Amino acid sequence: MAEDFEEKRRYFRVNDKINLLLRVVDESKISQRSHVSMDVLSSCSLSAALEVLNQEAAAVSSRLERRDPEVFEYLKIIDNKINLIASALNPREEAFSEHDMHEVSLSAAGVAFTNETALPVGTLLELRMLLTSCLVVIVAFARVVQCKDISQDNATYPFAICAEYINMNEEDRELLIKHVIKKQMQQLRDKNFN
């Protein structure tokens, strides 16, 4: 048991806000491996993908504006051009939406999030996670290892769920590690900069 605990904690963990879709699956799905979809537009609309990138850019924009105001103004013009082109295109039906944004505690071993309904320990999940740092969707399978009632703290999402990945490809785990490290560095820069 202590060995399992050490294994779970050998990866860094970061609090993040990501697009997360989940669905309960049966045991037959768990034999499948995790996979990455580089075609983000198959999981979300162009406008949703651009919004994710805008959130990512907002985290560095204030530093860039102070460092080089002219470059910052030029990049804002390019951003406006891209948004104008995107709004002119026909929007596709999106799988991810702004309602799928979740505050999560994310690591390469698992994810913790709040949910509207309880998920019993042992429940098997398919998770679709849109990672902003590399703009990919990781489709992973996980097993619920903890479900706590937090309704006194959060009426909208009254259950805290902890899930551990199963059958994750090492390449997908590496993407998660890179995302977590990038987010940690960004949070440290923001903390030191403010």
Protein backbone atom coordinates (compact mmCIF):
# COMPACT_ATOMS: atom_id res chain seq x y z
CA MET A 1 0.00 0.00 0.00
CA ALA A 2 2.79 2.44 0.89
CA GLU A 3 4.47 1.47 -2.37
CA ASP A 4 1.30 2.45 -4.30
CA PHE A 5 1.19 5.79 -2.48
CA GLU A 6 4.83 6.52 -3.38
CA GLU A 7 4.15 5.62 -7.03
CA LYS A 8 1.24 8.07 -7.21
CA ARG A 9 3.30 10.88 -5.70
CA ARG A 10 6.37 10.49 -7.88
CA TYR A 11 4.81 12.85 -10.45
CA PHE A 12 4.39 16.58 -10.04
CA ARG A 13 0.83 17.81 -9.61
CA VAL A 14 -0.57 21.17 -10.67
CA ASN A 15 -3.88 22.93 -10.24
CA ASP A 16 -5.14 23.90 -13.67
CA LYS A 17 -8.31 24.78 -15.55
CA ILE A 18 -8.82 22.48 -18.55
CA ASN A 19 -11.58 21.29 -20.83
CA LEU A 20 -12.57 17.89 -19.47
CA LEU A 21 -15.22 15.54 -20.81
CA LEU A 22 -15.88 12.29 -19.02
CA ARG A 23 -18.12 9.31 -19.47
CA VAL A 24 -18.56 6.09 -17.58
CA VAL A 25 -17.39 3.02 -19.52
CA ASP A 26 -17.43 -0.71 -18.93
CA GLU A 27 -14.52 -3.08 -18.34
CA SER A 28 -14.17 -3.94 -22.06
CA LYS A 29 -12.99 -0.39 -22.86
CA ILE A 30 -10.18 -0.54 -20.32
CA SER A 31 -8.14 -2.90 -22.46
CA GLN A 32 -7.69 0.01 -24.89
CA ARG A 33 -4.67 2.26 -24.52
CA SER A 34 -4.80 6.01 -24.08
CA HIS A 35 -4.26 8.03 -27.22
CA VAL A 36 -3.70 11.59 -28.35
CA SER A 37 -5.74 13.41 -30.94
CA MET A 38 -3.61 16.04 -32.65
CA ASP A 39 -6.71 17.02 -34.62
CA VAL A 40 -8.15 19.27 -31.93
CA LEU A 41 -10.86 20.49 -34.30
CA SER A 42 -12.38 17.01 -34.28
CA SER A 43 -13.07 17.50 -30.56
CA CYS A 44 -13.98 21.17 -30.48
CA SER A 45 -14.88 24.05 -32.75
CA LEU A 46 -12.35 26.50 -34.13
CA SER A 47 -13.73 29.22 -31.87
CA ALA A 48 -13.35 27.00 -28.78
CA ALA A 49 -9.77 26.11 -29.75
CA LEU A 50 -8.96 29.78 -30.32
CA GLU A 51 -10.49 30.66 -26.95
CA VAL A 52 -8.23 28.11 -25.27
CA LEU A 53 -5.23 29.70 -26.98
CA ASN A 54 -6.43 33.17 -25.97
CA GLN A 55 -6.47 32.06 -22.33
CA GLU A 56 -2.95 30.71 -22.73
CA ALA A 57 -1.79 33.97 -24.35
CA ALA A 58 -3.40 36.09 -21.63
CA ALA A 59 -1.08 34.52 -19.08
CA VAL A 60 2.01 35.95 -20.82
CA SER A 61 0.58 39.10 -22.42
CA SER A 62 1.15 41.48 -19.48
CA ARG A 63 4.83 40.53 -19.26
CA LEU A 64 5.27 40.92 -23.02
CA GLU A 65 3.48 44.28 -23.03
CA ARG A 66 5.88 45.63 -20.39
CA ARG A 67 8.93 44.16 -22.07
CA ASP A 68 8.19 45.20 -25.66
CA PRO A 69 5.03 47.28 -26.23
CA GLU A 70 5.47 47.51 -30.02
CA VAL A 71 5.74 43.73 -30.48
CA PHE A 72 2.76 43.33 -28.16
CA GLU A 73 0.65 45.72 -30.29
CA TYR A 74 1.66 43.90 -33.47
CA LEU A 75 0.69 40.53 -31.97
CA LYS A 76 -2.69 41.95 -30.90
CA ILE A 77 -3.34 42.97 -34.51
CA ILE A 78 -2.47 39.46 -35.75
CA ASP A 79 -4.71 37.97 -33.06
CA ASN A 80 -7.59 40.19 -34.18
CA LYS A 81 -7.07 39.10 -37.80
CA ILE A 82 -7.18 35.43 -36.79
CA ASN A 83 -10.35 35.97 -34.74
CA LEU A 84 -11.98 37.79 -37.65
CA ILE A 85 -11.18 34.92 -40.03
CA ALA A 86 -12.45 32.38 -37.49
CA SER A 87 -15.74 34.22 -37.04
CA ALA A 88 -16.23 34.28 -40.82
CA LEU A 89 -15.89 30.50 -41.08
CA ASN A 90 -18.86 28.23 -40.50
CA PRO A 91 -18.72 27.01 -36.91
CA ARG A 92 -18.76 23.25 -36.46
CA GLU A 93 -20.70 21.43 -33.77
CA GLU A 94 -18.30 21.31 -30.84
CA ALA A 95 -17.71 18.54 -28.37
CA PHE A 96 -15.95 20.84 -25.90
CA SER A 97 -17.63 24.01 -24.78
CA GLU A 98 -16.99 26.64 -22.14
CA HIS A 99 -19.21 24.59 -19.79
CA ASP A 100 -16.67 21.76 -19.91
CA MET A 101 -13.99 23.85 -18.17
CA HIS A 102 -13.02 22.23 -14.88
CA GLU A 103 -10.66 23.20 -12.13
CA VAL A 104 -8.51 20.09 -11.79
CA SER A 105 -5.51 18.81 -9.92
CA LEU A 106 -3.55 17.19 -12.72
CA SER A 107 -0.57 14.86 -12.77
CA ALA A 108 0.86 12.13 -14.96
CA ALA A 109 -0.65 9.52 -12.60
CA GLY A 110 -4.21 10.82 -12.35
CA VAL A 111 -6.61 13.71 -12.09
CA ALA A 112 -8.86 15.14 -9.37
CA PHE A 113 -11.93 17.23 -10.21
CA THR A 114 -15.35 18.17 -8.91
CA ASN A 115 -18.48 16.68 -10.43
CA GLU A 116 -22.25 17.14 -10.37
CA THR A 117 -22.89 13.49 -9.47
CA ALA A 118 -21.18 10.95 -7.27
CA LEU A 119 -19.03 8.33 -8.97
CA PRO A 120 -18.52 5.22 -6.84
CA VAL A 121 -14.98 4.02 -6.17
CA GLY A 122 -14.00 1.58 -8.90
CA THR A 123 -16.06 3.30 -11.63
CA LEU A 124 -14.26 3.21 -14.97
CA LEU A 125 -14.07 6.46 -16.96
CA GLU A 126 -13.06 7.65 -20.38
CA LEU A 127 -11.54 11.12 -19.99
CA ARG A 128 -11.02 13.59 -22.83
CA MET A 129 -8.65 16.34 -21.71
CA LEU A 130 -7.79 19.34 -23.88
CA LEU A 131 -4.27 20.47 -22.92
CA THR A 132 -3.60 24.08 -23.80
CA SER A 133 0.18 23.88 -23.63
CA CYS A 134 0.40 21.59 -26.67
CA LEU A 135 -3.17 21.96 -28.00
CA VAL A 136 -3.90 18.25 -28.08
CA VAL A 137 -6.71 16.13 -26.71
CA ILE A 138 -5.61 13.17 -24.59
CA VAL A 139 -8.17 10.39 -24.42
CA ALA A 140 -7.35 8.39 -21.30
CA PHE A 141 -9.04 5.71 -19.25
CA ALA A 142 -9.16 5.97 -15.48
CA ARG A 143 -10.54 4.29 -12.38
CA VAL A 144 -12.20 6.33 -9.62
CA VAL A 145 -10.17 5.86 -6.43
CA GLN A 146 -11.97 8.38 -4.24
CA CYS A 147 -15.32 10.22 -4.16
CA LYS A 148 -16.01 12.75 -1.40
CA ASP A 149 -19.15 14.74 -0.68
CA ILE A 150 -18.16 18.42 -0.58
CA SER A 151 -21.68 19.83 -0.95
CA GLN A 152 -21.22 22.17 2.02
CA ASP A 153 -18.35 23.87 0.10
CA ASN A 154 -19.61 23.58 -3.47
CA ALA A 155 -23.31 23.33 -4.28
CA THR A 156 -22.81 23.30 -8.06
CA TYR A 157 -20.30 20.44 -8.09
CA PRO A 158 -20.89 18.67 -4.77
CA PHE A 159 -18.53 15.70 -5.31
CA ALA A 160 -14.73 15.64 -5.37
CA ILE A 161 -13.52 12.81 -7.59
CA CYS A 162 -9.99 11.39 -7.75
CA ALA A 163 -9.21 9.10 -10.67
CA GLU A 164 -6.08 7.16 -11.55
CA TYR A 165 -5.12 6.54 -15.19
CA ILE A 166 -5.06 2.98 -16.51
CA ASN A 167 -3.28 1.70 -19.63
CA MET A 168 -1.68 5.06 -20.36
CA ASN A 169 0.88 5.16 -23.16
CA GLU A 170 4.24 6.53 -22.06
CA GLU A 171 4.12 9.14 -24.86
CA ASP A 172 0.81 10.43 -23.46
CA ARG A 173 2.23 10.44 -19.95
CA GLU A 174 5.19 12.49 -21.24
CA LEU A 175 2.77 15.03 -22.74
CA LEU A 176 1.02 15.30 -19.37
CA ILE A 177 4.36 15.75 -17.60
CA LYS A 178 5.39 18.50 -20.05
CA HIS A 179 2.01 20.22 -19.60
CA VAL A 180 2.26 20.07 -15.79
CA ILE A 181 5.83 21.41 -15.78
CA LYS A 182 4.92 24.23 -18.18
CA LYS A 183 1.93 25.19 -16.02
CA GLN A 184 4.06 25.13 -12.85
CA MET A 185 6.68 27.37 -14.46
CA GLN A 186 3.97 29.75 -15.67
CA GLN A 187 2.39 29.91 -12.20
CA LEU A 188 5.78 30.57 -10.58
CA ARG A 189 6.56 33.35 -13.11
CA ASP A 190 3.15 34.91 -12.52
CA LYS A 191 3.61 34.73 -8.75
CA ASN A 192 7.09 36.30 -8.92
CA PHE A 193 6.02 38.89 -11.48
CA ASN A 194 3.05 40.18 -9.45
